[in-house]
PDB file of N, CA and C in Angstrom:
ATOM      1  N   MET A   1      88.619  92.215  94.750  1.00  0.00           N
ATOM      2  CA  MET A   1      88.999  93.019  93.899  1.00  0.00           C
ATOM      3  C   MET A   1      90.435  93.897  94.461  1.00  0.00           C
ATOM      4  N   LYS A   2      90.171  94.470  95.852  1.00  0.00           N
ATOM      5  CA  LYS A   2      91.559  94.688  96.167  1.00  0.00           C
ATOM      6  C   LYS A   2      92.432  94.372  96.261  1.00  0.00           C
ATOM      7  N   LYS A   3      92.313  92.447  96.719  1.00  0.00           N
ATOM      8  CA  LYS A   3      93.410  91.413  96.833  1.00  0.00           C
ATOM      9  C   LYS A   3      94.285  91.672  95.502  1.00  0.00           C
ATOM     10  N   LYS A   4      93.549  91.786  94.421  1.00  0.00           N
ATOM     11  CA  LYS A   4      94.368  91.433  92.992  1.00  0.00           C
ATOM     12  C   LYS A   4      95.054  92.451  92.740  1.00  0.00           C
ATOM     13  N   LEU A   5      94.732  93.632  93.200  1.00  0.00           N
ATOM     14  CA  LEU A   5      95.400  95.161  92.999  1.00  0.00           C
ATOM     15  C   LEU A   5      96.863  95.055  93.577  1.00  0.00           C
ATOM     16  N   VAL A   6      96.471  94.654  95.169  1.00  0.00           N
ATOM     17  CA  VAL A   6      97.478  94.929  95.965  1.00  0.00           C
ATOM     18  C   VAL A   6      98.745  93.850  95.119  1.00  0.00           C
ATOM     19  N   ILE A   7      98.377  92.405  94.779  1.00  0.00           N
ATOM     20  CA  ILE A   7      99.036  91.656  93.724  1.00  0.00           C
ATOM     21  C   ILE A   7      99.742  91.850  93.067  1.00  0.00           C
ATOM     22  N   SER A   8      98.880  92.534  92.123  1.00  0.00           N
ATOM     23  CA  SER A   8      99.358  93.085  90.747  1.00  0.00           C
ATOM     24  C   SER A   8     100.536  94.136  91.392  1.00  0.00           C
ATOM     25  N   PHE A   9     100.637  95.383  92.338  1.00  0.00           N
ATOM     26  CA  PHE A   9     101.566  95.642  92.785  1.00  0.00           C
ATOM     27  C   PHE A   9     102.788  95.177  92.609  1.00  0.00           C
ATOM     28  N   VAL A  10     102.654  94.287  93.888  1.00  0.00           N
ATOM     29  CA  VAL A  10     103.725  93.471  94.531  1.00  0.00           C
ATOM     30  C   VAL A  10     103.624  92.994  93.458  1.00  0.00           C
ATOM     31  N   SER A  11     103.676  92.578  92.266  1.00  0.00           N
ATOM     32  CA  SER A  11     104.262  91.537  91.115  1.00  0.00           C
ATOM     33  C   SER A  11     105.102  92.537  90.041  1.00  0.00           C
ATOM     34  N   LEU A  12     104.472  93.778  89.878  1.00  0.00           N
ATOM     35  CA  LEU A  12     105.306  94.487  89.449  1.00  0.00           C
ATOM     36  C   LEU A  12     106.738  94.920  90.034  1.00  0.00           C
ATOM     37  N   ALA A  13     106.416  95.373  91.444  1.00  0.00           N
ATOM     38  CA  ALA A  13     107.623  95.549  91.849  1.00  0.00           C
ATOM     39  C   ALA A  13     108.822  94.279  91.981  1.00  0.00           C
ATOM     40  N   PHE A  14     108.598  93.578  92.352  1.00  0.00           N
ATOM     41  CA  PHE A  14     109.529  91.493  91.871  1.00  0.00           C
ATOM     42  C   PHE A  14     110.108  92.397  90.626  1.00  0.00           C
ATOM     43  N   LEU A  15     108.928  92.134  89.574  1.00  0.00           N
ATOM     44  CA  LEU A  15     109.352  91.711  88.305  1.00  0.00           C
ATOM     45  C   LEU A  15     110.655  93.431  87.923  1.00  0.00           C
ATOM     46  N   PHE A  16     110.409  94.253  88.474  1.00  0.00           N
ATOM     47  CA  PHE A  16     111.464  95.583  88.425  1.00  0.00           C
ATOM     48  C   PHE A  16     113.023  95.325  89.246  1.00  0.00           C
ATOM     49  N   ALA A  17     112.506  94.736  90.400  1.00  0.00           N
ATOM     50  CA  ALA A  17     113.515  94.430  91.313  1.00  0.00           C
ATOM     51  C   ALA A  17     114.769  93.081  90.428  1.00  0.00           C
ATOM     52  N   ARG A  18     113.622  92.345  89.577  1.00  0.00           N
ATOM     53  CA  ARG A  18     114.588  91.075  89.132  1.00  0.00           C
ATOM     54  C   ARG A  18     115.288  91.878  87.980  1.00  0.00           C
ATOM     55  N   ALA A  19     114.410  93.410  87.292  1.00  0.00           N
ATOM     56  CA  ALA A  19     115.573  93.457  85.947  1.00  0.00           C
ATOM     57  C   ALA A  19     116.763  94.578  86.649  1.00  0.00           C
ATOM     58  N   ASN A  20     117.063  94.833  87.631  1.00  0.00           N
ATOM     59  CA  ASN A  20     117.234  95.368  88.095  1.00  0.00           C
ATOM     60  C   ASN A  20     118.942  94.524  88.478  1.00  0.00           C
ATOM     61  N   SER A  21     120.415  95.169  88.032  1.00  0.00           N
ATOM     62  CA  SER A  21     121.431  94.366  88.499  1.00  0.00           C
ATOM     63  C   SER A  21     121.629  93.792  89.959  1.00  0.00           C
ATOM     64  N   GLN A  22     121.605  94.971  90.656  1.00  0.00           N
ATOM     65  CA  GLN A  22     121.609  94.663  91.957  1.00  0.00           C
ATOM     66  C   GLN A  22     120.905  93.781  92.803  1.00  0.00           C
ATOM     67  N   ALA A  23     121.039  93.480  94.326  1.00  0.00           N
ATOM     68  CA  ALA A  23     120.628  92.865  94.934  1.00  0.00           C
ATOM     69  C   ALA A  23     118.825  93.231  95.596  1.00  0.00           C
ATOM     70  N   ALA A  24     117.882  93.377  95.065  1.00  0.00           N
ATOM     71  CA  ALA A  24     116.969  94.168  95.728  1.00  0.00           C
ATOM     72  C   ALA A  24     116.706  93.708  97.083  1.00  0.00           C
ATOM     73  N   VAL A  25     116.455  95.426  97.621  1.00  0.00           N
ATOM     74  CA  VAL A  25     115.664  95.140  98.723  1.00  0.00           C
ATOM     75  C   VAL A  25     113.951  95.655  98.966  1.00  0.00           C
ATOM     76  N   PHE A  26     113.129  94.985  99.136  1.00  0.00           N
ATOM     77  CA  PHE A  26     112.145  95.317  98.495  1.00  0.00           C
ATOM     78  C   PHE A  26     110.862  95.535 100.155  1.00  0.00           C
ATOM     79  N   LYS A  27     110.672  96.671 100.189  1.00  0.00           N
ATOM     80  CA  LYS A  27     109.983  97.167 101.476  1.00  0.00           C
ATOM     81  C   LYS A  27     108.318  97.759 100.945  1.00  0.00           C
ATOM     82  N   ALA A  28     107.517  97.755 101.585  1.00  0.00           N
ATOM     83  CA  ALA A  28     106.458  97.741 101.127  1.00  0.00           C
ATOM     84  C   ALA A  28     105.540  97.936 102.788  1.00  0.00           C
ATOM     85  N   GLY A  29     104.662  98.976 102.961  1.00  0.00           N
ATOM     86  CA  GLY A  29     103.409  99.488 103.608  1.00  0.00           C
ATOM     87  C   GLY A  29     102.266  99.677 103.373  1.00  0.00           C
ATOM     88  N   ALA A  30     101.074  99.541 104.245  1.00  0.00           N
ATOM     89  CA  ALA A  30      99.855 100.138 104.208  1.00  0.00           C
ATOM     90  C   ALA A  30      99.874 100.285 105.165  1.00  0.00           C
ATOM     91  N   SER A  31      98.229 101.400 105.182  1.00  0.00           N
ATOM     92  CA  SER A  31      97.738 102.045 106.413  1.00  0.00           C
ATOM     93  C   SER A  31      96.460 102.396 105.953  1.00  0.00           C
ATOM     94  N   LYS A  32      95.277 102.612 106.886  1.00  0.00           N
ATOM     95  CA  LYS A  32      94.361 103.110 106.646  1.00  0.00           C
ATOM     96  C   LYS A  32      93.662 104.233 107.764  1.00  0.00           C
ATOM     97  N   ILE A  33      92.881 104.921 107.168  1.00  0.00           N
ATOM     98  CA  ILE A  33      92.145 105.878 108.405  1.00  0.00           C
ATOM     99  C   ILE A  33      90.923 105.877 108.015  1.00  0.00           C
ATOM    100  N   LYS A  34      90.290 106.114 108.843  1.00  0.00           N
ATOM    101  CA  LYS A  34      88.518 106.397 108.922  1.00  0.00           C
ATOM    102  C   LYS A  34      88.901 108.134 108.494  1.00  0.00           C
ATOM    103  N   ILE A  35      87.861 108.585 107.742  1.00  0.00           N
ATOM    104  CA  ILE A  35      87.725 110.217 107.733  1.00  0.00           C
ATOM    105  C   ILE A  35      86.441 110.379 107.342  1.00  0.00           C
ATOM    106  N   THR A  36      85.199 109.755 107.906  1.00  0.00           N
ATOM    107  CA  THR A  36      83.760 110.158 108.155  1.00  0.00           C
ATOM    108  C   THR A  36      83.855 110.838 108.671  1.00  0.00           C
ATOM    109  N   PRO A  37      83.174 112.189 108.182  1.00  0.00           N
ATOM    110  CA  PRO A  37      82.918 113.665 108.856  1.00  0.00           C
ATOM    111  C   PRO A  37      81.520 113.193 110.425  1.00  0.00           C
ATOM    112  N   GLN A  38      82.091 114.165 110.764  1.00  0.00           N
ATOM    113  CA  GLN A  38      80.638 114.109 112.079  1.00  0.00           C
ATOM    114  C   GLN A  38      79.502 114.839 111.941  1.00  0.00           C
ATOM    115  N   VAL A  39      78.577 113.603 111.442  1.00  0.00           N
ATOM    116  CA  VAL A  39      77.082 114.329 110.936  1.00  0.00           C
ATOM    117  C   VAL A  39      76.615 114.712 112.425  1.00  0.00           C
ATOM    118  N   GLU A  40      76.219 115.909 111.853  1.00  0.00           N
ATOM    119  CA  GLU A  40      74.842 116.409 113.131  1.00  0.00           C
ATOM    120  C   GLU A  40      73.387 116.069 112.529  1.00  0.00           C
ATOM    121  N   THR A  41      72.481 115.523 113.522  1.00  0.00           N
ATOM    122  CA  THR A  41      71.515 115.280 113.027  1.00  0.00           C
ATOM    123  C   THR A  41      70.254 116.413 113.923  1.00  0.00           C
ATOM    124  N   PHE A  42      69.560 116.615 113.311  1.00  0.00           N
ATOM    125  CA  PHE A  42      68.224 117.271 114.140  1.00  0.00           C
ATOM    126  C   PHE A  42      66.992 116.489 113.736  1.00  0.00           C
ATOM    127  N   THR A  43      65.622 117.236 114.508  1.00  0.00           N
ATOM    128  CA  THR A  43      64.348 117.087 114.056  1.00  0.00           C
ATOM    129  C   THR A  43      63.718 118.409 113.869  1.00  0.00           C
ATOM    130  N   ASP A  44      63.511 117.733 112.437  1.00  0.00           N
ATOM    131  CA  ASP A  44      62.464 118.652 111.278  1.00  0.00           C
ATOM    132  C   ASP A  44      61.390 118.862 111.690  1.00  0.00           C
ATOM    133  N   ALA A  45      60.941 119.620 112.896  1.00  0.00           N
ATOM    134  CA  ALA A  45      59.903 120.043 113.813  1.00  0.00           C
ATOM    135  C   ALA A  45      58.732 120.450 112.260  1.00  0.00           C
ATOM    136  N   ASN A  46      58.860 121.031 111.729  1.00  0.00           N
ATOM    137  CA  ASN A  46      58.078 121.604 110.776  1.00  0.00           C
ATOM    138  C   ASN A  46      57.905 121.010 109.348  1.00  0.00           C
ATOM    139  N   LYS A  47      58.623 119.801 109.432  1.00  0.00           N
ATOM    140  CA  LYS A  47      58.481 118.660 108.372  1.00  0.00           C
ATOM    141  C   LYS A  47      58.659 119.381 106.633  1.00  0.00           C
ATOM    142  N   ASN A  48      59.767 120.850 106.690  1.00  0.00           N
ATOM    143  CA  ASN A  48      60.114 121.361 105.904  1.00  0.00           C
ATOM    144  C   ASN A  48      61.202 120.623 104.432  1.00  0.00           C
ATOM    145  N   GLY A  49      62.257 119.676 105.558  1.00  0.00           N
ATOM    146  CA  GLY A  49      62.790 119.187 104.746  1.00  0.00           C
ATOM    147  C   GLY A  49      64.155 120.147 104.788  1.00  0.00           C
ATOM    148  N   ALA A  50      64.254 120.951 105.565  1.00  0.00           N
ATOM    149  CA  ALA A  50      65.339 121.850 105.739  1.00  0.00           C
ATOM    150  C   ALA A  50      65.655 122.246 107.578  1.00  0.00           C
ATOM    151  N   TYR A  51      66.308 122.760 107.708  1.00  0.00           N
ATOM    152  CA  TYR A  51      67.039 122.778 109.665  1.00  0.00           C
ATOM    153  C   TYR A  51      66.655 124.847 109.694  1.00  0.00           C
ATOM    154  N   ASP A  52      65.572 124.563 110.405  1.00  0.00           N
ATOM    155  CA  ASP A  52      65.404 126.113 110.862  1.00  0.00           C
ATOM    156  C   ASP A  52      66.030 126.328 111.813  1.00  0.00           C
ATOM    157  N   LEU A  53      66.308 127.442 112.553  1.00  0.00           N
ATOM    158  CA  LEU A  53      66.626 127.783 113.416  1.00  0.00           C
ATOM    159  C   LEU A  53      65.584 128.068 114.542  1.00  0.00           C
ATOM    160  N   GLY A  54      66.119 126.909 115.922  1.00  0.00           N
ATOM    161  CA  GLY A  54      65.454 126.531 116.807  1.00  0.00           C
ATOM    162  C   GLY A  54      65.206 125.615 116.565  1.00  0.00           C
ATOM    163  N   GLU A  55      64.997 124.559 115.849  1.00  0.00           N
ATOM    164  CA  GLU A  55      64.358 123.049 115.848  1.00  0.00           C
ATOM    165  C   GLU A  55      65.561 122.399 116.485  1.00  0.00           C
ATOM    166  N   PRO A  56      65.651 121.541 117.609  1.00  0.00           N
ATOM    167  CA  PRO A  56      66.623 120.664 118.252  1.00  0.00           C
ATOM    168  C   PRO A  56      67.365 119.517 117.184  1.00  0.00           C
ATOM    169  N   PHE A  57      68.988 119.986 117.598  1.00  0.00           N
ATOM    170  CA  PHE A  57      70.018 118.955 116.869  1.00  0.00           C
ATOM    171  C   PHE A  57      71.127 118.410 117.673  1.00  0.00           C
ATOM    172  N   ALA A  58      71.882 117.262 117.594  1.00  0.00           N
ATOM    173  CA  ALA A  58      72.415 116.676 118.006  1.00  0.00           C
ATOM    174  C   ALA A  58      73.998 117.476 118.077  1.00  0.00           C
ATOM    175  N   ASP A  59      74.120 118.553 118.606  1.00  0.00           N
ATOM    176  CA  ASP A  59      75.494 119.028 118.822  1.00  0.00           C
ATOM    177  C   ASP A  59      76.669 118.561 119.339  1.00  0.00           C
ATOM    178  N   SER A  60      77.421 117.467 118.521  1.00  0.00           N
ATOM    179  CA  SER A  60      78.185 116.580 118.456  1.00  0.00           C
ATOM    180  C   SER A  60      79.500 117.518 118.972  1.00  0.00           C
ATOM    181  N   ASN A  61      79.813 118.712 118.339  1.00  0.00           N
ATOM    182  CA  ASN A  61      80.797 119.131 118.946  1.00  0.00           C
ATOM    183  C   ASN A  61      81.048 120.594 119.716  1.00  0.00           C
ATOM    184  N   HIS A  62      79.566 120.628 119.988  1.00  0.00           N
ATOM    185  CA  HIS A  62      79.261 121.495 121.815  1.00  0.00           C
ATOM    186  C   HIS A  62      79.596 123.142 121.252  1.00  0.00           C
ATOM    187  N   ASN A  63      79.273 123.383 119.964  1.00  0.00           N
ATOM    188  CA  ASN A  63      79.516 124.604 119.676  1.00  0.00           C
ATOM    189  C   ASN A  63      78.666 125.683 119.896  1.00  0.00           C
ATOM    190  N   GLY A  64      76.973 125.087 119.898  1.00  0.00           N
ATOM    191  CA  GLY A  64      75.880 125.951 120.179  1.00  0.00           C
ATOM    192  C   GLY A  64      75.247 126.110 118.687  1.00  0.00           C
ATOM    193  N   VAL A  65      76.031 125.720 117.238  1.00  0.00           N
ATOM    194  CA  VAL A  65      75.774 125.549 116.137  1.00  0.00           C
ATOM    195  C   VAL A  65      75.351 124.338 114.976  1.00  0.00           C
ATOM    196  N   TRP A  66      74.022 124.339 114.800  1.00  0.00           N
ATOM    197  CA  TRP A  66      73.672 123.064 113.795  1.00  0.00           C
ATOM    198  C   TRP A  66      74.691 123.243 112.595  1.00  0.00           C
ATOM    199  N   ASP A  67      76.006 122.006 112.770  1.00  0.00           N
ATOM    200  CA  ASP A  67      76.986 122.443 111.377  1.00  0.00           C
ATOM    201  C   ASP A  67      76.916 121.062 110.337  1.00  0.00           C
ATOM    202  N   PRO A  68      76.187 121.609 109.538  1.00  0.00           N
ATOM    203  CA  PRO A  68      76.004 120.397 108.302  1.00  0.00           C
ATOM    204  C   PRO A  68      76.814 120.048 107.787  1.00  0.00           C
ATOM    205  N   VAL A  69      76.951 118.450 107.125  1.00  0.00           N
ATOM    206  CA  VAL A  69      77.948 118.254 106.373  1.00  0.00           C
ATOM    207  C   VAL A  69      76.992 118.089 104.306  1.00  0.00           C
ATOM    208  N   TRP A  70      77.767 118.790 103.795  1.00  0.00           N
ATOM    209  CA  TRP A  70      77.462 119.402 102.434  1.00  0.00           C
ATOM    210  C   TRP A  70      77.459 117.821 101.298  1.00  0.00           C
ATOM    211  N   LEU A  71      76.317 117.722 101.080  1.00  0.00           N
ATOM    212  CA  LEU A  71      76.903 116.454  99.949  1.00  0.00           C
ATOM    213  C   LEU A  71      76.949 117.137  98.402  1.00  0.00           C
ATOM    214  N   ALA A  72      78.191 116.228  97.805  1.00  0.00           N
ATOM    215  CA  ALA A  72      78.374 117.011  96.622  1.00  0.00           C
ATOM    216  C   ALA A  72      77.298 115.787  95.500  1.00  0.00           C
ATOM    217  N   GLY A  73      77.548 115.711  94.163  1.00  0.00           N
ATOM    218  CA  GLY A  73      76.949 115.461  93.180  1.00  0.00           C
ATOM    219  C   GLY A  73      75.362 115.968  92.810  1.00  0.00           C
ATOM    220  N   ASN A  74      75.302 114.445  92.484  1.00  0.00           N
ATOM    221  CA  ASN A  74      73.105 114.320  92.354  1.00  0.00           C
ATOM    222  C   ASN A  74      72.405 115.722  93.161  1.00  0.00           C
ATOM    223  N   ASN A  75      71.928 116.803  92.461  1.00  0.00           N
ATOM    224  CA  ASN A  75      71.145 117.738  93.038  1.00  0.00           C
ATOM    225  C   ASN A  75      71.832 118.352  94.227  1.00  0.00           C
ATOM    226  N   GLY A  76      72.957 119.225  94.201  1.00  0.00           N
ATOM    227  CA  GLY A  76      74.198 119.560  94.924  1.00  0.00           C
ATOM    228  C   GLY A  76      73.246 120.260  96.560  1.00  0.00           C
ATOM    229  N   GLY A  77      73.435 121.280  97.012  1.00  0.00           N
ATOM    230  CA  GLY A  77      73.258 122.108  97.834  1.00  0.00           C
ATOM    231  C   GLY A  77      72.201 120.941  99.218  1.00  0.00           C
ATOM    232  N   ARG A  78      72.727 119.637  99.025  1.00  0.00           N
ATOM    233  CA  ARG A  78      71.548 118.611 100.292  1.00  0.00           C
ATOM    234  C   ARG A  78      72.890 118.291 101.338  1.00  0.00           C
ATOM    235  N   PHE A  79      72.338 117.888 102.461  1.00  0.00           N
ATOM    236  CA  PHE A  79      72.867 118.045 103.737  1.00  0.00           C
ATOM    237  C   PHE A  79      72.955 116.358 104.327  1.00  0.00           C
ATOM    238  N   ALA A  80      73.973 115.810 104.634  1.00  0.00           N
ATOM    239  CA  ALA A  80      74.033 114.593 105.309  1.00  0.00           C
ATOM    240  C   ALA A  80      72.857 114.053 106.238  1.00  0.00           C
ATOM    241  N   LYS A  81      72.085 113.455 106.380  1.00  0.00           N
ATOM    242  CA  LYS A  81      71.250 113.325 107.402  1.00  0.00           C
ATOM    243  C   LYS A  81      71.559 112.291 108.310  1.00  0.00           C
ATOM    244  N   GLY A  82      72.629 111.317 107.707  1.00  0.00           N
ATOM    245  CA  GLY A  82      73.272 110.338 108.627  1.00  0.00           C
ATOM    246  C   GLY A  82      74.536 110.172 108.199  1.00  0.00           C
ATOM    247  N   ILE A  83      74.856 109.284 108.686  1.00  0.00           N
ATOM    248  CA  ILE A  83      75.699 107.686 108.267  1.00  0.00           C
ATOM    249  C   ILE A  83      74.983 106.340 107.774  1.00  0.00           C
ATOM    250  N   GLU A  84      75.738 106.122 106.545  1.00  0.00           N
ATOM    251  CA  GLU A  84      74.927 105.087 105.670  1.00  0.00           C
ATOM    252  C   GLU A  84      76.679 103.860 105.936  1.00  0.00           C
ATOM    253  N   ASN A  85      77.705 104.475 105.218  1.00  0.00           N
ATOM    254  CA  ASN A  85      79.208 103.579 105.561  1.00  0.00           C
ATOM    255  C   ASN A  85      79.876 104.691 105.776  1.00  0.00           C
ATOM    256  N   ASP A  86      81.123 103.944 106.338  1.00  0.00           N
ATOM    257  CA  ASP A  86      82.160 104.962 106.791  1.00  0.00           C
ATOM    258  C   ASP A  86      82.890 105.040 105.462  1.00  0.00           C
ATOM    259  N   ASN A  87      82.997 106.621 105.576  1.00  0.00           N
ATOM    260  CA  ASN A  87      84.301 106.696 104.757  1.00  0.00           C
ATOM    261  C   ASN A  87      86.076 106.787 104.861  1.00  0.00           C
ATOM    262  N   TRP A  88      86.736 106.039 103.894  1.00  0.00           N
ATOM    263  CA  TRP A  88      87.813 105.874 104.623  1.00  0.00           C
ATOM    264  C   TRP A  88      89.664 106.386 103.710  1.00  0.00           C
ATOM    265  N   ALA A  89      90.568 107.143 104.143  1.00  0.00           N
ATOM    266  CA  ALA A  89      91.717 107.309 103.313  1.00  0.00           C
ATOM    267  C   ALA A  89      92.784 105.897 103.381  1.00  0.00           C
ATOM    268  N   ARG A  90      93.288 105.697 102.334  1.00  0.00           N
ATOM    269  CA  ARG A  90      94.015 104.291 102.356  1.00  0.00           C
ATOM    270  C   ARG A  90      95.428 104.744 102.016  1.00  0.00           C
ATOM    271  N   ALA A  91      96.545 104.061 101.871  1.00  0.00           N
ATOM    272  CA  ALA A  91      98.091 104.370 101.527  1.00  0.00           C
ATOM    273  C   ALA A  91      98.389 102.647 101.163  1.00  0.00           C
ATOM    274  N   LEU A  92      98.688 102.625 100.163  1.00  0.00           N
ATOM    275  CA  LEU A  92     100.130 101.603  99.817  1.00  0.00           C
ATOM    276  C   LEU A  92     101.595 102.287  99.022  1.00  0.00           C
ATOM    277  N   VAL A  93     102.468 102.145  99.990  1.00  0.00           N
ATOM    278  CA  VAL A  93     103.735 102.163  99.754  1.00  0.00           C
ATOM    279  C   VAL A  93     104.521 101.102  99.332  1.00  0.00           C
ATOM    280  N   LEU A  94     105.200 101.405  98.351  1.00  0.00           N
ATOM    281  CA  LEU A  94     106.097 100.278  97.786  1.00  0.00           C
ATOM    282  C   LEU A  94     107.549 100.906  97.381  1.00  0.00           C
ATOM    283  N   ASN A  95     108.461 100.077  98.293  1.00  0.00           N
ATOM    284  CA  ASN A  95     110.134 100.533  97.520  1.00  0.00           C
ATOM    285  C   ASN A  95     110.904  99.885  97.013  1.00  0.00           C
ATOM    286  N   VAL A  96     111.485  99.727  96.604  1.00  0.00           N
ATOM    287  CA  VAL A  96     112.214  98.808  95.301  1.00  0.00           C
ATOM    288  C   VAL A  96     113.606  99.283  95.446  1.00  0.00           C
ATOM    289  N   ASN A  97     114.922  99.077  95.996  1.00  0.00           N
ATOM    290  CA  ASN A  97     115.801  99.872  95.676  1.00  0.00           C
ATOM    291  C   ASN A  97     115.977 101.434  95.980  1.00  0.00           C
ATOM    292  N   ASP A  98     115.637 101.756  96.883  1.00  0.00           N
ATOM    293  CA  ASP A  98     115.391 103.227  97.092  1.00  0.00           C
ATOM    294  C   ASP A  98     114.721 104.078  95.938  1.00  0.00           C
ATOM    295  N   GLN A  99     113.503 103.378  95.531  1.00  0.00           N
ATOM    296  CA  GLN A  99     112.701 103.855  94.538  1.00  0.00           C
ATOM    297  C   GLN A  99     111.140 103.509  95.139  1.00  0.00           C
ATOM    298  N   THR A 100     110.753 104.865  95.470  1.00  0.00           N
ATOM    299  CA  THR A 100     109.035 104.652  96.531  1.00  0.00           C
ATOM    300  C   THR A 100     108.330 105.162  95.036  1.00  0.00           C
ATOM    301  N   VAL A 101     107.266 104.026  95.430  1.00  0.00           N
ATOM    302  CA  VAL A 101     106.356 104.200  94.552  1.00  0.00           C
ATOM    303  C   VAL A 101     104.279 104.629  95.508  1.00  0.00           C
ATOM    304  N   LEU A 102     104.066 105.730  96.013  1.00  0.00           N
ATOM    305  CA  LEU A 102     103.075 105.796  96.845  1.00  0.00           C
ATOM    306  C   LEU A 102     101.402 105.582  96.269  1.00  0.00           C
ATOM    307  N   LEU A 103     100.885 105.568  96.711  1.00  0.00           N
ATOM    308  CA  LEU A 103      98.875 105.036  96.147  1.00  0.00           C
ATOM    309  C   LEU A 103      98.718 105.407  97.351  1.00  0.00           C
ATOM    310  N   VAL A 104      97.209 106.165  97.417  1.00  0.00           N
ATOM    311  CA  VAL A 104      96.257 106.741  97.714  1.00  0.00           C
ATOM    312  C   VAL A 104      95.140 106.880  97.284  1.00  0.00           C
ATOM    313  N   SER A 105      94.442 106.399  98.275  1.00  0.00           N
ATOM    314  CA  SER A 105      92.610 106.300  97.852  1.00  0.00           C
ATOM    315  C   SER A 105      91.634 107.054  98.587  1.00  0.00           C
ATOM    316  N   LEU A 106      90.984 107.906  98.052  1.00  0.00           N
ATOM    317  CA  LEU A 106      90.237 108.629  99.152  1.00  0.00           C
ATOM    318  C   LEU A 106      89.130 108.054  98.854  1.00  0.00           C
ATOM    319  N   ASP A 107      88.076 108.381 100.018  1.00  0.00           N
ATOM    320  CA  ASP A 107      86.658 107.986  99.565  1.00  0.00           C
ATOM    321  C   ASP A 107      86.109 109.351  99.670  1.00  0.00           C
ATOM    322  N   CYS A 108      85.654 109.883  98.697  1.00  0.00           N
ATOM    323  CA  CYS A 108      85.578 111.200  98.686  1.00  0.00           C
ATOM    324  C   CYS A 108      85.240 112.033  97.480  1.00  0.00           C
ATOM    325  N   VAL A 109      84.272 112.675  96.596  1.00  0.00           N
ATOM    326  CA  VAL A 109      83.832 113.434  95.763  1.00  0.00           C
ATOM    327  C   VAL A 109      85.215 114.109  95.186  1.00  0.00           C
ATOM    328  N   GLY A 110      85.894 114.423  95.251  1.00  0.00           N
ATOM    329  CA  GLY A 110      87.186 115.544  94.938  1.00  0.00           C
ATOM    330  C   GLY A 110      87.902 116.381  96.163  1.00  0.00           C
ATOM    331  N   TYR A 111      89.193 117.094  95.394  1.00  0.00           N
ATOM    332  CA  TYR A 111      89.517 118.120  96.050  1.00  0.00           C
ATOM    333  C   TYR A 111      89.421 119.173  95.127  1.00  0.00           C
ATOM    334  N   LEU A 112      89.846 120.290  95.800  1.00  0.00           N
ATOM    335  CA  LEU A 112      89.808 121.539  95.196  1.00  0.00           C
ATOM    336  C   LEU A 112      91.206 121.959  95.283  1.00  0.00           C
ATOM    337  N   PHE A 113      91.594 123.036  94.275  1.00  0.00           N
ATOM    338  CA  PHE A 113      93.305 123.422  93.873  1.00  0.00           C
ATOM    339  C   PHE A 113      93.956 123.135  94.928  1.00  0.00           C
ATOM    340  N   ASP A 114      93.306 124.683  96.093  1.00  0.00           N
ATOM    341  CA  ASP A 114      94.114 124.529  97.316  1.00  0.00           C
ATOM    342  C   ASP A 114      94.325 123.156  98.203  1.00  0.00           C
ATOM    343  N   GLU A 115      93.393 122.463  98.118  1.00  0.00           N
ATOM    344  CA  GLU A 115      93.542 121.574  98.724  1.00  0.00           C
ATOM    345  C   GLU A 115      94.803 120.806  98.323  1.00  0.00           C
ATOM    346  N   VAL A 116      94.545 120.057  96.725  1.00  0.00           N
ATOM    347  CA  VAL A 116      95.899 119.925  96.155  1.00  0.00           C
ATOM    348  C   VAL A 116      96.900 119.913  95.935  1.00  0.00           C
ATOM    349  N   ARG A 117      96.777 121.201  96.258  1.00  0.00           N
ATOM    350  CA  ARG A 117      98.311 121.928  96.201  1.00  0.00           C
ATOM    351  C   ARG A 117      99.054 121.822  97.677  1.00  0.00           C
ATOM    352  N   LEU A 118      98.088 121.963  98.570  1.00  0.00           N
ATOM    353  CA  LEU A 118      98.762 121.518 100.066  1.00  0.00           C
ATOM    354  C   LEU A 118      99.092 120.429 100.673  1.00  0.00           C
ATOM    355  N   ILE A 119      98.768 119.104 100.187  1.00  0.00           N
ATOM    356  CA  ILE A 119      98.899 118.131  99.708  1.00  0.00           C
ATOM    357  C   ILE A 119     100.025 117.572  99.178  1.00  0.00           C
ATOM    358  N   LYS A 120     100.393 118.059  98.020  1.00  0.00           N
ATOM    359  CA  LYS A 120     101.391 118.039  97.090  1.00  0.00           C
ATOM    360  C   LYS A 120     102.676 118.718  97.984  1.00  0.00           C
ATOM    361  N   GLN A 121     102.847 119.401  98.950  1.00  0.00           N
ATOM    362  CA  GLN A 121     103.441 120.311  99.696  1.00  0.00           C
ATOM    363  C   GLN A 121     104.089 119.658 100.746  1.00  0.00           C
ATOM    364  N   LYS A 122     103.000 119.050 101.299  1.00  0.00           N
ATOM    365  CA  LYS A 122     103.014 117.845 102.471  1.00  0.00           C
ATOM    366  C   LYS A 122     104.083 116.640 102.493  1.00  0.00           C
ATOM    367  N   VAL A 123     103.413 116.227 101.140  1.00  0.00           N
ATOM    368  CA  VAL A 123     104.236 114.706 100.274  1.00  0.00           C
ATOM    369  C   VAL A 123     106.046 115.355  99.913  1.00  0.00           C
ATOM    370  N   SER A 124     106.234 116.273  99.404  1.00  0.00           N
ATOM    371  CA  SER A 124     107.438 116.876  99.136  1.00  0.00           C
ATOM    372  C   SER A 124     107.600 116.930 100.352  1.00  0.00           C
ATOM    373  N   GLU A 125     107.820 117.732 101.739  1.00  0.00           N
ATOM    374  CA  GLU A 125     108.347 117.323 102.036  1.00  0.00           C
ATOM    375  C   GLU A 125     108.617 116.800 103.342  1.00  0.00           C
ATOM    376  N   THR A 126     108.373 115.169 102.970  1.00  0.00           N
ATOM    377  CA  THR A 126     108.741 114.010 104.345  1.00  0.00           C
ATOM    378  C   THR A 126     109.353 112.774 102.976  1.00  0.00           C
TER     379      THR A 126
END
């Protein structure tokens, strides 16, 4: 599926370039980075399904506090108990004759308004 999508975008870029009267200069770039949060697991000593003060935990960031990664979606208010698959941020940039398209894919449920505004600001600064 991913290969078909990339091939489709590259094909569109070439079609656009051919329709343009000047010689086409085609540039492309792609990148990905792992954005999986660090999950601190704990030992549920009293078997109540929740972290209770004093239960031992893996203090990954060495701050002395259990820092849960909260999950969204089905039955909110749940914390991650581990990592099954990594989360990724991927980007594809296509440029034809100084016209640029940026496609970004994030493995996440969503962003809040303030985060989207910050991303738009950062993109416009580049």
